[in-house]
Amino acid sequence: MRTAWRPVRPPYGPHQQSTAGRRAAAAALAAAGAADRTVPGDPDGRPRFPPGFAGSISHTDRLAVAVVVPGAAAVGVDIECAAISPRVARFVLSERERHTLLPPAGTCTPRELFSAKEAAFKALNGIGTGGHFLFWKIELSQSDDALTAFYGGATVPVWIRSAEDISFAVAIQR
């Protein structure tokens, strides 16, 4: 796995966020040994990585990240800096997830689980789970050192890391 981060330049709008994401993707591809380091967008806006290099891009208004995994079937990455309100957590997380993954039973924060679902959504879409679905319909369960995301019979492991003001999640389907 190769990861690259790039700052978003002022005025921090969608164009600058996209540009920072593409620059991060080019750097991650270079670190992974790819000869082709361009990442055009598909008509639906998703980044299209070169053959043999699964990847994903995410950004906030100030920071972009890209993850590339040579030979993987699909990758999803998400970064979140926003606080997730209790109302949003109730909407996005199932009752089972809230009772098993959030304190006191679990150790995850709502922001980490939101990020995990976003990363899993990208990876599951990358392996063609079929049809359109909403990221909050993904179910998460705790397993050893990762979460496992489930949707429509497909599963993908998701790893999360956080600092005080940001959460990072990556899902890799081998």
N, C-alpha and C. Protein backbone atom coordinates (compact mmCIF):
# COMPACT_ATOMS: atom_id res chain seq x y z
N MET A 1 0.85 -1.18 0.00
CA MET A 1 0.00 0.00 0.00
C MET A 1 0.89 1.24 0.00
N ARG A 2 0.57 2.18 -0.86
CA ARG A 2 1.27 3.45 -0.93
C ARG A 2 0.25 4.56 -0.70
N THR A 3 0.60 5.47 0.19
CA THR A 3 -0.28 6.58 0.54
C THR A 3 0.44 7.89 0.31
N ALA A 4 -0.27 8.87 -0.22
CA ALA A 4 0.29 10.21 -0.40
C ALA A 4 -0.75 11.24 0.02
N TRP A 5 -0.28 12.29 0.67
CA TRP A 5 -1.12 13.38 1.15
C TRP A 5 -0.71 14.67 0.44
N ARG A 6 -1.65 15.53 0.14
CA ARG A 6 -1.36 16.83 -0.44
C ARG A 6 -2.31 17.87 0.16
N PRO A 7 -1.79 19.07 0.42
CA PRO A 7 -2.68 20.13 0.93
C PRO A 7 -3.58 20.65 -0.19
N VAL A 8 -4.74 21.10 0.18
CA VAL A 8 -5.64 21.78 -0.75
C VAL A 8 -5.29 23.26 -0.69
N ARG A 9 -5.12 23.85 -1.86
CA ARG A 9 -4.73 25.26 -1.92
C ARG A 9 -5.95 26.18 -1.86
N PRO A 10 -5.75 27.40 -1.38
CA PRO A 10 -6.86 28.37 -1.37
C PRO A 10 -7.36 28.60 -2.78
N PRO A 11 -8.61 28.84 -2.98
CA PRO A 11 -9.66 29.15 -2.01
C PRO A 11 -10.38 27.91 -1.46
N TYR A 12 -9.79 26.73 -1.57
CA TYR A 12 -10.28 25.49 -0.95
C TYR A 12 -11.59 24.98 -1.53
N GLY A 13 -11.90 25.32 -2.75
CA GLY A 13 -13.14 24.89 -3.39
C GLY A 13 -13.02 23.51 -4.03
N PRO A 14 -14.08 23.06 -4.68
CA PRO A 14 -14.08 21.74 -5.31
C PRO A 14 -12.95 21.54 -6.32
N HIS A 15 -12.65 22.56 -7.11
CA HIS A 15 -11.57 22.43 -8.10
C HIS A 15 -10.23 22.21 -7.40
N GLN A 16 -9.95 22.98 -6.37
CA GLN A 16 -8.68 22.84 -5.65
C GLN A 16 -8.61 21.50 -4.92
N GLN A 17 -9.75 21.03 -4.40
CA GLN A 17 -9.78 19.74 -3.72
C GLN A 17 -9.50 18.60 -4.71
N SER A 18 -10.13 18.68 -5.88
CA SER A 18 -9.90 17.67 -6.92
C SER A 18 -8.45 17.68 -7.39
N THR A 19 -7.90 18.86 -7.60
CA THR A 19 -6.50 18.97 -8.04
C THR A 19 -5.56 18.38 -7.00
N ALA A 20 -5.78 18.68 -5.73
CA ALA A 20 -4.94 18.11 -4.67
C ALA A 20 -5.07 16.59 -4.63
N GLY A 21 -6.29 16.09 -4.85
CA GLY A 21 -6.49 14.63 -4.88
C GLY A 21 -5.75 13.97 -6.02
N ARG A 22 -5.80 14.57 -7.20
CA ARG A 22 -5.09 14.02 -8.36
C ARG A 22 -3.57 14.08 -8.15
N ARG A 23 -3.08 15.13 -7.52
CA ARG A 23 -1.65 15.22 -7.22
C ARG A 23 -1.24 14.14 -6.21
N ALA A 24 -2.08 13.92 -5.21
CA ALA A 24 -1.80 12.86 -4.24
C ALA A 24 -1.80 11.50 -4.94
N ALA A 25 -2.74 11.29 -5.86
CA ALA A 25 -2.81 10.02 -6.59
C ALA A 25 -1.56 9.82 -7.44
N ALA A 26 -1.10 10.86 -8.10
CA ALA A 26 0.13 10.75 -8.91
C ALA A 26 1.32 10.39 -8.03
N ALA A 27 1.42 10.99 -6.85
CA ALA A 27 2.52 10.69 -5.94
C ALA A 27 2.43 9.26 -5.42
N ALA A 28 1.23 8.80 -5.09
CA ALA A 28 1.06 7.42 -4.62
C ALA A 28 1.38 6.42 -5.73
N LEU A 29 0.98 6.72 -6.96
CA LEU A 29 1.31 5.86 -8.09
C LEU A 29 2.82 5.81 -8.31
N ALA A 30 3.49 6.95 -8.21
CA ALA A 30 4.95 6.98 -8.36
C ALA A 30 5.60 6.12 -7.29
N ALA A 31 5.14 6.23 -6.05
CA ALA A 31 5.70 5.43 -4.96
C ALA A 31 5.44 3.94 -5.15
N ALA A 32 4.34 3.61 -5.84
CA ALA A 32 4.00 2.21 -6.10
C ALA A 32 4.71 1.65 -7.34
N GLY A 33 5.44 2.51 -8.06
CA GLY A 33 6.19 2.06 -9.23
C GLY A 33 5.44 2.10 -10.54
N ALA A 34 4.35 2.83 -10.58
CA ALA A 34 3.57 2.93 -11.82
C ALA A 34 4.26 3.85 -12.82
N ALA A 35 4.30 3.43 -14.08
CA ALA A 35 4.85 4.28 -15.14
C ALA A 35 3.84 5.37 -15.50
N ASP A 36 2.55 5.02 -15.53
CA ASP A 36 1.48 5.96 -15.83
C ASP A 36 0.98 6.53 -14.51
N ARG A 37 1.11 7.83 -14.35
CA ARG A 37 0.73 8.47 -13.09
C ARG A 37 -0.44 9.43 -13.24
N THR A 38 -1.15 9.30 -14.34
CA THR A 38 -2.33 10.15 -14.53
C THR A 38 -3.56 9.39 -14.06
N VAL A 39 -4.48 10.14 -13.48
CA VAL A 39 -5.71 9.54 -12.95
C VAL A 39 -6.89 10.36 -13.47
N PRO A 40 -7.35 10.03 -14.67
CA PRO A 40 -8.50 10.77 -15.19
C PRO A 40 -9.77 10.36 -14.44
N GLY A 41 -10.80 11.15 -14.62
CA GLY A 41 -12.08 10.81 -14.00
C GLY A 41 -12.98 10.09 -14.99
N ASP A 42 -13.72 9.12 -14.47
CA ASP A 42 -14.77 8.48 -15.26
C ASP A 42 -15.91 9.48 -15.44
N PRO A 43 -16.84 9.21 -16.36
CA PRO A 43 -17.97 10.14 -16.53
C PRO A 43 -18.74 10.40 -15.24
N ASP A 44 -18.75 9.42 -14.32
CA ASP A 44 -19.46 9.62 -13.05
C ASP A 44 -18.60 10.34 -12.01
N GLY A 45 -17.37 10.69 -12.38
CA GLY A 45 -16.49 11.43 -11.49
C GLY A 45 -15.50 10.59 -10.71
N ARG A 46 -15.67 9.27 -10.69
CA ARG A 46 -14.73 8.43 -9.96
C ARG A 46 -13.37 8.42 -10.64
N PRO A 47 -12.29 8.40 -9.85
CA PRO A 47 -10.96 8.34 -10.44
C PRO A 47 -10.71 6.98 -11.11
N ARG A 48 -10.03 7.01 -12.24
CA ARG A 48 -9.69 5.78 -12.97
C ARG A 48 -8.17 5.61 -12.91
N PHE A 49 -7.74 4.63 -12.11
CA PHE A 49 -6.32 4.36 -11.94
C PHE A 49 -5.82 3.46 -13.06
N PRO A 50 -4.51 3.50 -13.35
CA PRO A 50 -3.97 2.67 -14.43
C PRO A 50 -4.15 1.18 -14.14
N PRO A 51 -4.22 0.36 -15.19
CA PRO A 51 -4.35 -1.09 -14.99
C PRO A 51 -3.26 -1.62 -14.06
N GLY A 52 -3.68 -2.51 -13.15
CA GLY A 52 -2.75 -3.12 -12.21
C GLY A 52 -2.55 -2.34 -10.93
N PHE A 53 -3.16 -1.16 -10.84
CA PHE A 53 -3.00 -0.31 -9.66
C PHE A 53 -4.38 0.15 -9.17
N ALA A 54 -4.92 -0.55 -8.17
CA ALA A 54 -6.19 -0.11 -7.59
C ALA A 54 -5.90 1.07 -6.67
N GLY A 55 -6.79 2.04 -6.69
CA GLY A 55 -6.56 3.21 -5.85
C GLY A 55 -7.84 3.94 -5.52
N SER A 56 -7.70 4.91 -4.64
CA SER A 56 -8.83 5.69 -4.20
C SER A 56 -8.32 7.05 -3.71
N ILE A 57 -9.19 8.04 -3.80
CA ILE A 57 -8.87 9.41 -3.39
C ILE A 57 -9.95 9.91 -2.44
N SER A 58 -9.54 10.69 -1.45
CA SER A 58 -10.49 11.36 -0.57
C SER A 58 -9.92 12.73 -0.21
N HIS A 59 -10.81 13.64 0.17
CA HIS A 59 -10.33 14.95 0.59
C HIS A 59 -11.30 15.60 1.55
N THR A 60 -10.74 16.51 2.33
CA THR A 60 -11.53 17.45 3.11
C THR A 60 -11.37 18.79 2.40
N ASP A 61 -11.81 19.86 3.02
CA ASP A 61 -11.63 21.15 2.37
C ASP A 61 -10.18 21.62 2.40
N ARG A 62 -9.32 21.00 3.22
CA ARG A 62 -7.93 21.44 3.34
C ARG A 62 -6.88 20.38 3.04
N LEU A 63 -7.28 19.11 2.92
CA LEU A 63 -6.31 18.02 2.78
C LEU A 63 -6.85 16.94 1.86
N ALA A 64 -5.96 16.41 0.99
CA ALA A 64 -6.34 15.30 0.10
C ALA A 64 -5.40 14.14 0.35
N VAL A 65 -5.92 12.93 0.18
CA VAL A 65 -5.13 11.72 0.34
C VAL A 65 -5.48 10.76 -0.79
N ALA A 66 -4.48 9.98 -1.20
CA ALA A 66 -4.71 8.92 -2.18
C ALA A 66 -3.99 7.68 -1.68
N VAL A 67 -4.62 6.54 -1.90
CA VAL A 67 -4.03 5.25 -1.55
C VAL A 67 -4.02 4.40 -2.81
N VAL A 68 -2.89 3.76 -3.08
CA VAL A 68 -2.73 2.87 -4.23
C VAL A 68 -2.20 1.53 -3.72
N VAL A 69 -2.81 0.45 -4.21
CA VAL A 69 -2.37 -0.90 -3.85
C VAL A 69 -2.20 -1.69 -5.14
N PRO A 70 -0.93 -1.91 -5.56
CA PRO A 70 -0.71 -2.68 -6.79
C PRO A 70 -1.31 -4.09 -6.67
N GLY A 71 -2.03 -4.49 -7.69
CA GLY A 71 -2.58 -5.84 -7.75
C GLY A 71 -3.85 -6.07 -6.96
N ALA A 72 -4.32 -5.11 -6.20
CA ALA A 72 -5.57 -5.28 -5.45
C ALA A 72 -6.76 -5.22 -6.40
N ALA A 73 -7.86 -5.83 -5.99
CA ALA A 73 -9.08 -5.76 -6.79
C ALA A 73 -9.73 -4.39 -6.67
N ALA A 74 -9.72 -3.81 -5.47
CA ALA A 74 -10.33 -2.51 -5.24
C ALA A 74 -9.81 -1.92 -3.94
N VAL A 75 -9.83 -0.59 -3.89
CA VAL A 75 -9.38 0.15 -2.71
C VAL A 75 -10.39 1.26 -2.45
N GLY A 76 -10.63 1.53 -1.19
CA GLY A 76 -11.42 2.69 -0.80
C GLY A 76 -10.71 3.42 0.31
N VAL A 77 -10.69 4.75 0.25
CA VAL A 77 -10.09 5.56 1.31
C VAL A 77 -11.04 6.70 1.64
N ASP A 78 -11.05 7.09 2.90
CA ASP A 78 -11.83 8.25 3.31
C ASP A 78 -11.11 8.95 4.45
N ILE A 79 -11.17 10.28 4.43
CA ILE A 79 -10.71 11.08 5.56
C ILE A 79 -11.86 11.99 5.98
N GLU A 80 -12.01 12.15 7.26
CA GLU A 80 -13.07 12.98 7.82
C GLU A 80 -12.49 13.85 8.92
N CYS A 81 -12.86 15.12 8.90
CA CYS A 81 -12.46 16.01 9.99
C CYS A 81 -13.67 16.59 10.71
N ALA A 82 -14.85 16.39 10.17
CA ALA A 82 -16.06 16.92 10.78
C ALA A 82 -16.51 16.05 11.94
N ALA A 83 -17.07 16.69 12.94
CA ALA A 83 -17.68 15.95 14.04
C ALA A 83 -18.98 15.32 13.52
N ILE A 84 -19.25 14.11 13.95
CA ILE A 84 -20.49 13.43 13.56
C ILE A 84 -21.46 13.57 14.72
N SER A 85 -22.55 14.26 14.49
CA SER A 85 -23.52 14.52 15.55
C SER A 85 -24.23 13.22 15.95
N PRO A 86 -24.79 13.17 17.14
CA PRO A 86 -25.57 11.99 17.54
C PRO A 86 -26.71 11.69 16.56
N ARG A 87 -27.32 12.72 16.02
CA ARG A 87 -28.42 12.52 15.05
C ARG A 87 -27.89 11.81 13.78
N VAL A 88 -26.76 12.28 13.26
CA VAL A 88 -26.18 11.65 12.07
C VAL A 88 -25.73 10.23 12.40
N ALA A 89 -25.15 10.04 13.58
CA ALA A 89 -24.71 8.69 13.98
C ALA A 89 -25.91 7.73 14.03
N ARG A 90 -27.03 8.18 14.56
CA ARG A 90 -28.23 7.32 14.61
C ARG A 90 -28.71 6.98 13.20
N PHE A 91 -28.55 7.89 12.27
CA PHE A 91 -28.98 7.65 10.90
C PHE A 91 -28.04 6.71 10.16
N VAL A 92 -26.74 6.94 10.30
CA VAL A 92 -25.73 6.21 9.53
C VAL A 92 -25.41 4.84 10.13
N LEU A 93 -25.46 4.73 11.44
CA LEU A 93 -25.08 3.48 12.11
C LEU A 93 -26.32 2.72 12.56
N SER A 94 -26.31 1.41 12.33
CA SER A 94 -27.42 0.58 12.79
C SER A 94 -27.41 0.51 14.32
N GLU A 95 -28.50 0.08 14.87
CA GLU A 95 -28.57 -0.07 16.33
C GLU A 95 -27.50 -1.04 16.82
N ARG A 96 -27.30 -2.12 16.10
CA ARG A 96 -26.27 -3.10 16.48
C ARG A 96 -24.88 -2.46 16.45
N GLU A 97 -24.59 -1.68 15.41
CA GLU A 97 -23.28 -1.01 15.32
C GLU A 97 -23.09 -0.03 16.47
N ARG A 98 -24.12 0.73 16.79
CA ARG A 98 -24.01 1.69 17.90
C ARG A 98 -23.75 0.98 19.22
N HIS A 99 -24.38 -0.19 19.43
CA HIS A 99 -24.24 -0.91 20.71
C HIS A 99 -22.97 -1.73 20.80
N THR A 100 -22.38 -2.12 19.68
CA THR A 100 -21.19 -2.98 19.75
C THR A 100 -19.89 -2.28 19.39
N LEU A 101 -19.94 -1.21 18.59
CA LEU A 101 -18.72 -0.57 18.12
C LEU A 101 -18.39 0.75 18.81
N LEU A 102 -19.41 1.43 19.32
CA LEU A 102 -19.20 2.66 20.06
C LEU A 102 -19.00 2.34 21.54
N PRO A 103 -18.33 3.22 22.30
CA PRO A 103 -18.20 3.00 23.74
C PRO A 103 -19.58 2.93 24.39
N PRO A 104 -19.76 2.19 25.46
CA PRO A 104 -18.72 1.53 26.24
C PRO A 104 -18.33 0.14 25.75
N ALA A 105 -19.13 -0.48 24.88
CA ALA A 105 -18.79 -1.83 24.41
C ALA A 105 -17.63 -1.84 23.43
N GLY A 106 -17.57 -0.83 22.57
CA GLY A 106 -16.53 -0.75 21.55
C GLY A 106 -15.59 0.42 21.78
N THR A 107 -14.67 0.61 20.85
CA THR A 107 -13.67 1.66 21.02
C THR A 107 -13.68 2.69 19.89
N CYS A 108 -14.58 2.55 18.94
CA CYS A 108 -14.62 3.45 17.79
C CYS A 108 -15.43 4.70 18.09
N THR A 109 -15.09 5.78 17.38
CA THR A 109 -15.88 7.00 17.46
C THR A 109 -16.86 7.04 16.29
N PRO A 110 -17.92 7.83 16.40
CA PRO A 110 -18.83 7.95 15.26
C PRO A 110 -18.11 8.41 13.99
N ARG A 111 -17.15 9.34 14.11
CA ARG A 111 -16.42 9.80 12.93
C ARG A 111 -15.62 8.67 12.30
N GLU A 112 -14.99 7.82 13.10
CA GLU A 112 -14.24 6.68 12.56
C GLU A 112 -15.15 5.71 11.82
N LEU A 113 -16.32 5.45 12.37
CA LEU A 113 -17.25 4.52 11.71
C LEU A 113 -17.84 5.11 10.44
N PHE A 114 -18.13 6.40 10.45
CA PHE A 114 -18.59 7.08 9.24
C PHE A 114 -17.52 6.95 8.16
N SER A 115 -16.28 7.23 8.52
CA SER A 115 -15.16 7.13 7.57
C SER A 115 -14.99 5.70 7.07
N ALA A 116 -15.12 4.73 7.98
CA ALA A 116 -15.00 3.32 7.60
C ALA A 116 -16.06 2.94 6.57
N LYS A 117 -17.29 3.40 6.77
CA LYS A 117 -18.35 3.08 5.81
C LYS A 117 -18.09 3.73 4.46
N GLU A 118 -17.58 4.95 4.45
CA GLU A 118 -17.25 5.62 3.18
C GLU A 118 -16.15 4.86 2.44
N ALA A 119 -15.09 4.46 3.16
CA ALA A 119 -14.00 3.72 2.52
C ALA A 119 -14.50 2.37 1.99
N ALA A 120 -15.30 1.69 2.79
CA ALA A 120 -15.85 0.40 2.36
C ALA A 120 -16.75 0.56 1.14
N PHE A 121 -17.54 1.62 1.12
CA PHE A 121 -18.41 1.90 -0.02
C PHE A 121 -17.61 2.00 -1.31
N LYS A 122 -16.50 2.74 -1.26
CA LYS A 122 -15.65 2.89 -2.44
C LYS A 122 -15.06 1.55 -2.87
N ALA A 123 -14.57 0.77 -1.92
CA ALA A 123 -13.98 -0.53 -2.26
C ALA A 123 -15.04 -1.50 -2.79
N LEU A 124 -16.20 -1.53 -2.16
CA LEU A 124 -17.26 -2.43 -2.62
C LEU A 124 -17.77 -2.04 -4.00
N ASN A 125 -17.86 -0.75 -4.28
CA ASN A 125 -18.23 -0.31 -5.63
C ASN A 125 -17.15 -0.71 -6.63
N GLY A 126 -15.90 -0.69 -6.19
CA GLY A 126 -14.78 -1.05 -7.07
C GLY A 126 -14.77 -2.50 -7.49
N ILE A 127 -15.39 -3.37 -6.67
CA ILE A 127 -15.46 -4.79 -7.05
C ILE A 127 -16.80 -5.14 -7.67
N GLY A 128 -17.61 -4.11 -7.92
CA GLY A 128 -18.86 -4.33 -8.63
C GLY A 128 -19.90 -5.09 -7.84
N THR A 129 -20.25 -4.60 -6.66
CA THR A 129 -21.28 -5.26 -5.86
C THR A 129 -22.64 -5.20 -6.52
N GLY A 130 -22.74 -4.40 -7.55
CA GLY A 130 -23.97 -4.37 -8.34
C GLY A 130 -24.96 -3.33 -7.86
N GLY A 131 -25.46 -2.59 -8.81
CA GLY A 131 -26.49 -1.61 -8.52
C GLY A 131 -25.99 -0.43 -7.71
N HIS A 132 -26.90 0.48 -7.47
CA HIS A 132 -26.59 1.65 -6.65
C HIS A 132 -27.03 1.36 -5.23
N PHE A 133 -26.20 1.69 -4.28
CA PHE A 133 -26.59 1.54 -2.90
C PHE A 133 -26.01 2.70 -2.10
N LEU A 134 -26.51 2.89 -0.93
CA LEU A 134 -26.12 4.00 -0.08
C LEU A 134 -25.12 3.53 0.96
N PHE A 135 -24.08 4.32 1.19
CA PHE A 135 -22.98 3.87 2.04
C PHE A 135 -23.44 3.48 3.44
N TRP A 136 -24.48 4.12 3.95
CA TRP A 136 -24.89 3.79 5.32
C TRP A 136 -25.61 2.45 5.40
N LYS A 137 -25.90 1.82 4.28
CA LYS A 137 -26.50 0.48 4.29
C LYS A 137 -25.45 -0.60 4.54
N ILE A 138 -24.19 -0.25 4.44
CA ILE A 138 -23.10 -1.18 4.76
C ILE A 138 -23.14 -1.47 6.25
N GLU A 139 -22.92 -2.72 6.62
CA GLU A 139 -22.86 -3.12 8.02
C GLU A 139 -21.41 -3.35 8.41
N LEU A 140 -21.03 -2.87 9.59
CA LEU A 140 -19.68 -3.05 10.11
C LEU A 140 -19.69 -3.97 11.32
N SER A 141 -18.66 -4.79 11.41
CA SER A 141 -18.43 -5.64 12.58
C SER A 141 -16.96 -5.57 12.93
N GLN A 142 -16.65 -5.74 14.21
CA GLN A 142 -15.26 -5.73 14.66
C GLN A 142 -14.64 -7.10 14.45
N SER A 143 -13.43 -7.12 13.91
CA SER A 143 -12.63 -8.33 13.84
C SER A 143 -11.22 -7.93 14.25
N ASP A 144 -10.47 -8.84 14.76
CA ASP A 144 -9.13 -8.60 15.30
C ASP A 144 -8.63 -7.16 15.18
N ASP A 145 -7.80 -6.87 14.19
CA ASP A 145 -7.18 -5.54 14.08
C ASP A 145 -7.89 -4.63 13.08
N ALA A 146 -9.04 -5.06 12.58
CA ALA A 146 -9.75 -4.28 11.57
C ALA A 146 -11.25 -4.41 11.78
N LEU A 147 -11.97 -3.62 11.04
CA LEU A 147 -13.41 -3.80 10.94
C LEU A 147 -13.67 -4.63 9.69
N THR A 148 -14.80 -5.27 9.64
CA THR A 148 -15.23 -5.94 8.41
C THR A 148 -16.52 -5.29 7.97
N ALA A 149 -16.56 -4.89 6.70
CA ALA A 149 -17.74 -4.27 6.12
C ALA A 149 -18.47 -5.30 5.27
N PHE A 150 -19.80 -5.34 5.39
CA PHE A 150 -20.64 -6.28 4.66
C PHE A 150 -21.69 -5.53 3.87
N TYR A 151 -21.91 -5.98 2.63
CA TYR A 151 -23.04 -5.47 1.86
C TYR A 151 -23.32 -6.42 0.72
N GLY A 152 -24.56 -6.83 0.57
CA GLY A 152 -24.99 -7.66 -0.56
C GLY A 152 -24.16 -8.92 -0.76
N GLY A 153 -23.73 -9.57 0.30
CA GLY A 153 -22.95 -10.79 0.20
C GLY A 153 -21.46 -10.57 0.02
N ALA A 154 -21.03 -9.33 -0.17
CA ALA A 154 -19.60 -9.02 -0.31
C ALA A 154 -19.07 -8.49 1.01
N THR A 155 -17.80 -8.76 1.27
CA THR A 155 -17.15 -8.24 2.47
C THR A 155 -15.82 -7.60 2.10
N VAL A 156 -15.39 -6.68 2.93
CA VAL A 156 -14.10 -6.04 2.74
C VAL A 156 -13.58 -5.62 4.13
N PRO A 157 -12.28 -5.85 4.40
CA PRO A 157 -11.72 -5.37 5.67
C PRO A 157 -11.46 -3.87 5.60
N VAL A 158 -11.62 -3.20 6.73
CA VAL A 158 -11.42 -1.76 6.81
C VAL A 158 -10.55 -1.46 8.04
N TRP A 159 -9.49 -0.68 7.82
CA TRP A 159 -8.63 -0.26 8.92
C TRP A 159 -8.85 1.22 9.16
N ILE A 160 -8.88 1.61 10.42
CA ILE A 160 -9.08 3.02 10.77
C ILE A 160 -7.97 3.50 11.70
N ARG A 161 -7.63 4.77 11.54
CA ARG A 161 -6.68 5.45 12.42
C ARG A 161 -7.20 6.87 12.60
N SER A 162 -6.95 7.43 13.77
CA SER A 162 -7.41 8.79 14.04
C SER A 162 -6.39 9.57 14.83
N ALA A 163 -6.45 10.86 14.63
CA ALA A 163 -5.79 11.84 15.48
C ALA A 163 -6.91 12.69 16.06
N GLU A 164 -6.56 13.67 16.83
CA GLU A 164 -7.58 14.48 17.50
C GLU A 164 -8.57 15.10 16.53
N ASP A 165 -8.09 15.56 15.36
CA ASP A 165 -8.96 16.31 14.47
C ASP A 165 -9.21 15.66 13.11
N ILE A 166 -8.83 14.39 12.95
CA ILE A 166 -9.04 13.73 11.66
C ILE A 166 -9.11 12.22 11.83
N SER A 167 -9.95 11.59 11.04
CA SER A 167 -10.03 10.12 10.98
C SER A 167 -9.73 9.68 9.56
N PHE A 168 -9.04 8.56 9.45
CA PHE A 168 -8.59 7.99 8.18
C PHE A 168 -9.02 6.54 8.14
N ALA A 169 -9.64 6.13 7.05
CA ALA A 169 -10.04 4.73 6.89
C ALA A 169 -9.65 4.25 5.50
N VAL A 170 -9.19 2.99 5.44
CA VAL A 170 -8.86 2.40 4.15
C VAL A 170 -9.42 0.98 4.12
N ALA A 171 -10.01 0.64 2.97
CA ALA A 171 -10.55 -0.70 2.73
C ALA A 171 -9.86 -1.26 1.51
N ILE A 172 -9.37 -2.49 1.62
CA ILE A 172 -8.63 -3.10 0.52
C ILE A 172 -9.21 -4.47 0.22
N GLN A 173 -9.66 -4.64 -1.01
CA GLN A 173 -10.15 -5.94 -1.47
C GLN A 173 -9.06 -6.56 -2.32
N ARG A 174 -8.49 -7.64 -1.87
CA ARG A 174 -7.37 -8.28 -2.59
C ARG A 174 -7.85 -9.15 -3.71
